[in-house]
C-alpha atoms as a PDB file:
ATOM      1  CA  MET A   1     -37.598  27.037 -35.002  1.00  0.00           C
ATOM      2  CA  ASP A   2     -37.329  29.926 -32.536  1.00  0.00           C
ATOM      3  CA  LEU A   3     -36.901  32.406 -35.321  1.00  0.00           C
ATOM      4  CA  VAL A   4     -39.941  31.268 -37.243  1.00  0.00           C
ATOM      5  CA  SER A   5     -42.140  31.039 -34.108  1.00  0.00           C
ATOM      6  CA  SER A   6     -41.243  34.627 -33.195  1.00  0.00           C
ATOM      7  CA  ILE A   7     -42.964  36.146 -36.245  1.00  0.00           C
ATOM      8  CA  PRO A   8     -45.901  38.012 -34.619  1.00  0.00           C
ATOM      9  CA  THR A   9     -48.179  38.327 -37.625  1.00  0.00           C
ATOM     10  CA  VAL A  10     -48.465  34.591 -38.625  1.00  0.00           C
ATOM     11  CA  THR A  11     -50.413  32.896 -35.872  1.00  0.00           C
ATOM     12  CA  PRO A  12     -49.964  29.269 -36.977  1.00  0.00           C
ATOM     13  CA  LEU A  13     -46.156  29.689 -36.887  1.00  0.00           C
ATOM     14  CA  ARG A  14     -46.397  30.885 -33.314  1.00  0.00           C
ATOM     15  CA  LEU A  15     -47.402  27.285 -32.339  1.00  0.00           C
ATOM     16  CA  GLY A  16     -43.728  26.527 -32.852  1.00  0.00           C
ATOM     17  CA  ARG A  17     -43.183  27.801 -29.325  1.00  0.00           C
ATOM     18  CA  ILE A  18     -44.454  24.430 -28.154  1.00  0.00           C
ATOM     19  CA  ALA A  19     -41.119  23.034 -29.300  1.00  0.00           C
ATOM     20  CA  ARG A  20     -39.490  24.983 -26.506  1.00  0.00           C
ATOM     21  CA  VAL A  21     -41.496  22.965 -23.971  1.00  0.00           C
ATOM     22  CA  PHE A  22     -40.228  19.739 -25.526  1.00  0.00           C
ATOM     23  CA  ARG A  23     -36.695  21.108 -25.483  1.00  0.00           C
ATOM     24  CA  ILE A  24     -37.002  21.777 -21.698  1.00  0.00           C
ATOM     25  CA  PHE A  25     -38.251  18.242 -21.160  1.00  0.00           C
ATOM     26  CA  ARG A  26     -35.199  16.972 -23.067  1.00  0.00           C
ATOM     27  CA  VAL A  27     -32.939  19.006 -20.838  1.00  0.00           C
ATOM     28  CA  LEU A  28     -34.715  17.697 -17.746  1.00  0.00           C
ATOM     29  CA  ARG A  29     -34.297  14.156 -18.999  1.00  0.00           C
ATOM     30  CA  GLY A  30     -30.587  14.835 -19.383  1.00  0.00           C
ATOM     31  CA  VAL A  31     -30.406  16.192 -15.819  1.00  0.00           C
ATOM     32  CA  ARG A  32     -32.173  13.082 -14.518  1.00  0.00           C
ATOM     33  CA  ALA A  33     -29.803  10.832 -16.373  1.00  0.00           C
ATOM     34  CA  THR A  34     -26.785  12.836 -14.960  1.00  0.00           C
ATOM     35  CA  LYS A  35     -28.294  12.363 -11.527  1.00  0.00           C
ATOM     36  CA  LEU A  36     -28.622   8.595 -12.025  1.00  0.00           C
ATOM     37  CA  ILE A  37     -25.027   8.348 -13.308  1.00  0.00           C
ATOM     38  CA  ALA A  38     -23.689  10.407 -10.433  1.00  0.00           C
ATOM     39  CA  SER A  39     -25.517   8.268  -7.895  1.00  0.00           C
ATOM     40  CA  PHE A  40     -24.155   5.063  -9.601  1.00  0.00           C
ATOM     41  CA  ILE A  41     -20.668   6.446  -9.458  1.00  0.00           C
ATOM     42  CA  LEU A  42     -20.983   7.540  -5.852  1.00  0.00           C
ATOM     43  CA  GLU A  43     -22.419   4.088  -4.748  1.00  0.00           C
ATOM     44  CA  ARG A  44     -19.432   2.318  -6.391  1.00  0.00           C
ATOM     45  CA  ARG A  45     -16.756   4.825  -5.479  1.00  0.00           C
ATOM     46  CA  ALA A  46     -13.903   2.287  -5.277  1.00  0.00           C
ATOM     47  CA  GLU A  47     -14.566   0.747  -8.693  1.00  0.00           C
ATOM     48  CA  SER A  48     -15.197   4.077 -10.304  1.00  0.00           C
ATOM     49  CA  ALA A  49     -11.961   5.566  -8.937  1.00  0.00           C
ATOM     50  CA  PHE A  50      -9.981   2.526  -9.991  1.00  0.00           C
ATOM     51  CA  LEU A  51     -11.373   2.590 -13.525  1.00  0.00           C
ATOM     52  CA  ALA A  52     -10.811   6.389 -13.826  1.00  0.00           C
ATOM     53  CA  VAL A  53      -7.224   5.998 -12.681  1.00  0.00           C
ATOM     54  CA  PHE A  54      -6.622   3.064 -15.045  1.00  0.00           C
ATOM     55  CA  LEU A  55      -8.005   5.103 -17.921  1.00  0.00           C
ATOM     56  CA  VAL A  56      -5.901   8.071 -17.024  1.00  0.00           C
ATOM     57  CA  SER A  57      -2.773   5.888 -16.676  1.00  0.00           C
ATOM     58  CA  VAL A  58      -3.225   4.321 -20.088  1.00  0.00           C
ATOM     59  CA  LEU A  59      -3.899   7.695 -21.679  1.00  0.00           C
ATOM     60  CA  MET A  60      -0.930   9.250 -19.833  1.00  0.00           C
ATOM     61  CA  THR A  61       1.316   6.412 -20.853  1.00  0.00           C
ATOM     62  CA  VAL A  62       0.456   6.697 -24.494  1.00  0.00           C
ATOM     63  CA  SER A  63       0.564  10.538 -24.401  1.00  0.00           C
ATOM     64  CA  ALA A  64       4.016  10.487 -22.676  1.00  0.00           C
ATOM     65  CA  ALA A  65       5.376   8.102 -25.240  1.00  0.00           C
ATOM     66  CA  ILE A  66       4.181  10.436 -27.947  1.00  0.00           C
ATOM     67  CA  GLY A  67       5.409  13.450 -26.068  1.00  0.00           C
ATOM     68  CA  ILE A  68       8.888  11.980 -25.398  1.00  0.00           C
ATOM     69  CA  MET A  69       9.299  11.249 -29.089  1.00  0.00           C
ATOM     70  CA  HIS A  70       8.530  14.864 -29.805  1.00  0.00           C
ATOM     71  CA  PHE A  71      10.947  16.216 -27.173  1.00  0.00           C
ATOM     72  CA  GLU A  72      13.900  13.807 -27.522  1.00  0.00           C
ATOM     73  CA  THR A  73      15.174  14.829 -30.898  1.00  0.00           C
ATOM     74  CA  THR A  74      18.731  15.692 -29.894  1.00  0.00           C
ATOM     75  CA  PRO A  75      21.597  13.612 -31.248  1.00  0.00           C
ATOM     76  CA  ASP A  76      22.599  12.401 -27.737  1.00  0.00           C
ATOM     77  CA  ALA A  77      19.072  11.115 -26.860  1.00  0.00           C
ATOM     78  CA  ASN A  78      18.873   7.449 -26.257  1.00  0.00           C
ATOM     79  CA  ILE A  79      15.079   7.219 -26.853  1.00  0.00           C
ATOM     80  CA  LYS A  80      15.244   6.757 -30.578  1.00  0.00           C
ATOM     81  CA  GLY A  81      12.128   4.932 -31.717  1.00  0.00           C
ATOM     82  CA  SER A  82       8.509   4.469 -30.732  1.00  0.00           C
ATOM     83  CA  SER A  83       9.208   1.169 -29.021  1.00  0.00           C
ATOM     84  CA  ASP A  84      11.860   2.822 -26.894  1.00  0.00           C
ATOM     85  CA  ALA A  85       9.349   5.668 -26.084  1.00  0.00           C
ATOM     86  CA  LEU A  86       6.615   3.206 -25.082  1.00  0.00           C
ATOM     87  CA  TRP A  87       9.069   1.125 -23.016  1.00  0.00           C
ATOM     88  CA  TRP A  88      10.291   4.267 -21.284  1.00  0.00           C
ATOM     89  CA  ALA A  89       6.715   5.356 -20.515  1.00  0.00           C
ATOM     90  CA  VAL A  90       5.667   2.036 -19.081  1.00  0.00           C
ATOM     91  CA  VAL A  91       8.788   1.686 -16.951  1.00  0.00           C
ATOM     92  CA  THR A  92       8.417   5.263 -15.735  1.00  0.00           C
ATOM     93  CA  ILE A  93       4.720   5.034 -14.830  1.00  0.00           C
ATOM     94  CA  THR A  94       5.239   1.758 -12.896  1.00  0.00           C
ATOM     95  CA  THR A  95       7.984   3.590 -11.027  1.00  0.00           C
ATOM     96  CA  VAL A  96      10.501   0.909 -11.829  1.00  0.00           C
ATOM     97  CA  GLY A  97      12.937   3.009 -13.803  1.00  0.00           C
ATOM     98  CA  TYR A  98      15.427   0.603 -15.098  1.00  0.00           C
ATOM     99  CA  GLY A  99      17.672   3.434 -16.417  1.00  0.00           C
ATOM    100  CA  ASP A 100      18.179   1.902 -19.863  1.00  0.00           C
ATOM    101  CA  ARG A 101      16.077   4.612 -21.442  1.00  0.00           C
ATOM    102  CA  TYR A 102      15.925   8.160 -20.023  1.00  0.00           C
ATOM    103  CA  PRO A 103      15.141  11.672 -21.278  1.00  0.00           C
ATOM    104  CA  VAL A 104      18.004  14.105 -21.774  1.00  0.00           C
ATOM    105  CA  THR A 105      16.108  17.274 -22.541  1.00  0.00           C
ATOM    106  CA  PRO A 106      14.564  19.489 -19.880  1.00  0.00           C
ATOM    107  CA  GLU A 107      11.104  19.067 -21.454  1.00  0.00           C
ATOM    108  CA  GLY A 108      11.492  15.317 -21.438  1.00  0.00           C
ATOM    109  CA  ARG A 109      12.551  15.284 -17.829  1.00  0.00           C
ATOM    110  CA  MET A 110       9.556  17.379 -16.883  1.00  0.00           C
ATOM    111  CA  LEU A 111       7.316  14.895 -18.755  1.00  0.00           C
ATOM    112  CA  GLY A 112       9.055  12.064 -16.921  1.00  0.00           C
ATOM    113  CA  SER A 113       8.401  13.811 -13.608  1.00  0.00           C
ATOM    114  CA  LEU A 114       4.732  14.098 -14.400  1.00  0.00           C
ATOM    115  CA  LEU A 115       4.527  10.482 -15.441  1.00  0.00           C
ATOM    116  CA  MET A 116       6.140   9.378 -12.180  1.00  0.00           C
ATOM    117  CA  ILE A 117       3.606  11.330 -10.179  1.00  0.00           C
ATOM    118  CA  VAL A 118       0.729   9.762 -12.130  1.00  0.00           C
ATOM    119  CA  GLY A 119       2.358   6.322 -11.504  1.00  0.00           C
ATOM    120  CA  VAL A 120       2.481   6.880  -7.711  1.00  0.00           C
ATOM    121  CA  GLY A 121      -1.172   7.962  -7.839  1.00  0.00           C
ATOM    122  CA  LEU A 122      -2.079   4.854  -9.854  1.00  0.00           C
ATOM    123  CA  PHE A 123      -0.483   2.487  -7.390  1.00  0.00           C
ATOM    124  CA  GLY A 124      -1.898   4.402  -4.427  1.00  0.00           C
ATOM    125  CA  THR A 125      -5.382   4.065  -5.850  1.00  0.00           C
ATOM    126  CA  LEU A 126      -4.780   0.385  -6.710  1.00  0.00           C
ATOM    127  CA  SER A 127      -3.771  -0.351  -3.127  1.00  0.00           C
ATOM    128  CA  GLY A 128      -6.867   1.627  -1.839  1.00  0.00           C
ATOM    129  CA  PHE A 129      -9.059  -0.433  -4.176  1.00  0.00           C
ATOM    130  CA  VAL A 130      -7.637  -3.721  -2.943  1.00  0.00           C
ATOM    131  CA  ALA A 131      -8.062  -2.651   0.660  1.00  0.00           C
ATOM    132  CA  SER A 132     -11.727  -1.710   0.073  1.00  0.00           C
ATOM    133  CA  TRP A 133     -12.249  -4.989  -1.681  1.00  0.00           C
ATOM    134  CA  PHE A 134     -10.945  -6.881   1.351  1.00  0.00           C
ATOM    135  CA  LEU A 135     -12.950  -4.684   3.721  1.00  0.00           C
ATOM    136  CA  ALA A 136     -16.222  -4.951   1.877  1.00  0.00           C
ATOM    137  CA  PRO A 137     -17.174  -8.472   3.075  1.00  0.00           C
ATOM    138  CA  VAL A 138     -16.887  -7.322   6.714  1.00  0.00           C
ATOM    139  CA  HIS A 139     -19.185  -4.457   6.036  1.00  0.00           C
ATOM    140  CA  HIS A 140     -21.768  -6.803   4.410  1.00  0.00           C
ATOM    141  CA  ARG A 141     -21.413  -9.292   7.296  1.00  0.00           C
ATOM    142  CA  GLN A 142     -22.168  -6.467   9.734  1.00  0.00           C
ATOM    143  CA  GLU A 143     -25.260  -5.553   7.798  1.00  0.00           C
ATOM    144  CA  ASN A 144     -26.500  -9.099   7.846  1.00  0.00           C
ATOM    145  CA  ASP A 145     -25.869  -9.269  11.657  1.00  0.00           C
ATOM    146  CA  LEU A 146     -27.868  -6.070  12.118  1.00  0.00           C
ATOM    147  CA  ASP A 147     -30.757  -7.380   9.999  1.00  0.00           C
ATOM    148  CA  ARG A 148     -30.763 -10.681  11.988  1.00  0.00           C
ATOM    149  CA  LEU A 149     -30.827  -8.720  15.301  1.00  0.00           C
ATOM    150  CA  ARG A 150     -33.680  -6.457  14.036  1.00  0.00           C
ATOM    151  CA  SER A 151     -35.801  -9.455  13.057  1.00  0.00           C
ATOM    152  CA  GLU A 152     -35.085 -11.083  16.402  1.00  0.00           C
ATOM    153  CA  ILE A 153     -35.980  -7.904  18.345  1.00  0.00           C
ATOM    154  CA  GLU A 154     -39.227  -7.716  16.279  1.00  0.00           C
ATOM    155  CA  GLY A 155     -40.054 -11.283  17.101  1.00  0.00           C
ATOM    156  CA  LEU A 156     -39.535 -10.642  20.826  1.00  0.00           C
ATOM    157  CA  ARG A 157     -41.624  -7.441  20.635  1.00  0.00           C
ATOM    158  CA  ARG A 158     -44.470  -9.412  19.114  1.00  0.00           C
ATOM    159  CA  ALA A 159     -44.158 -12.186  21.798  1.00  0.00           C
ATOM    160  CA  ILE A 160     -44.295  -9.569  24.593  1.00  0.00           C
ATOM    161  CA  GLU A 161     -47.314  -7.860  23.011  1.00  0.00           C
ATOM    162  CA  SER A 162     -49.150 -11.170  22.638  1.00  0.00           C
ATOM    163  CA  ARG A 163     -48.473 -12.064  26.297  1.00  0.00           C
ATOM    164  CA  ALA A 164     -49.537  -8.574  27.361  1.00  0.00           C
ATOM    165  CA  THR A 165     -52.900  -8.816  25.494  1.00  0.00           C
ATOM    166  CA  ALA A 166     -53.482 -12.418  26.841  1.00  0.00           C
ATOM    167  CA  SER A 167     -53.098 -11.225  30.434  1.00  0.00           C
END
């Protein structure tokens, strides 16, 4: 469209430049949608963080299971099948570590270390989410108390003003 509208000798084709204006409107609409999404995420930080960490942990568990299958190909490896790899990944990310399945290669151990760090972050975020869930009702109760006090002060102000005008 830009190429056709840039031909200087054909005037009707130059009207194609109007398409640029519509393209700018589309970009602005995308920016506005991004702003709405960002404000929604910032308003619900605890839920957003929990969902993001949950998604990362699921993706990390599956990726680690696939990665450990790739790295643990030596004859002395005790992670032989996909069920062993998935079991190892779940046990490692939950920081339980039974010790029945473990990596023997340096690459597998690095992957295990990364998975343990993700697991600690997951449970740290989970505990923070639970704490914010318990603290949220106190915050709402304080807001309700403030609203009640504001309305009471407004009523007293009106009463004082009506007595002052009656005098």
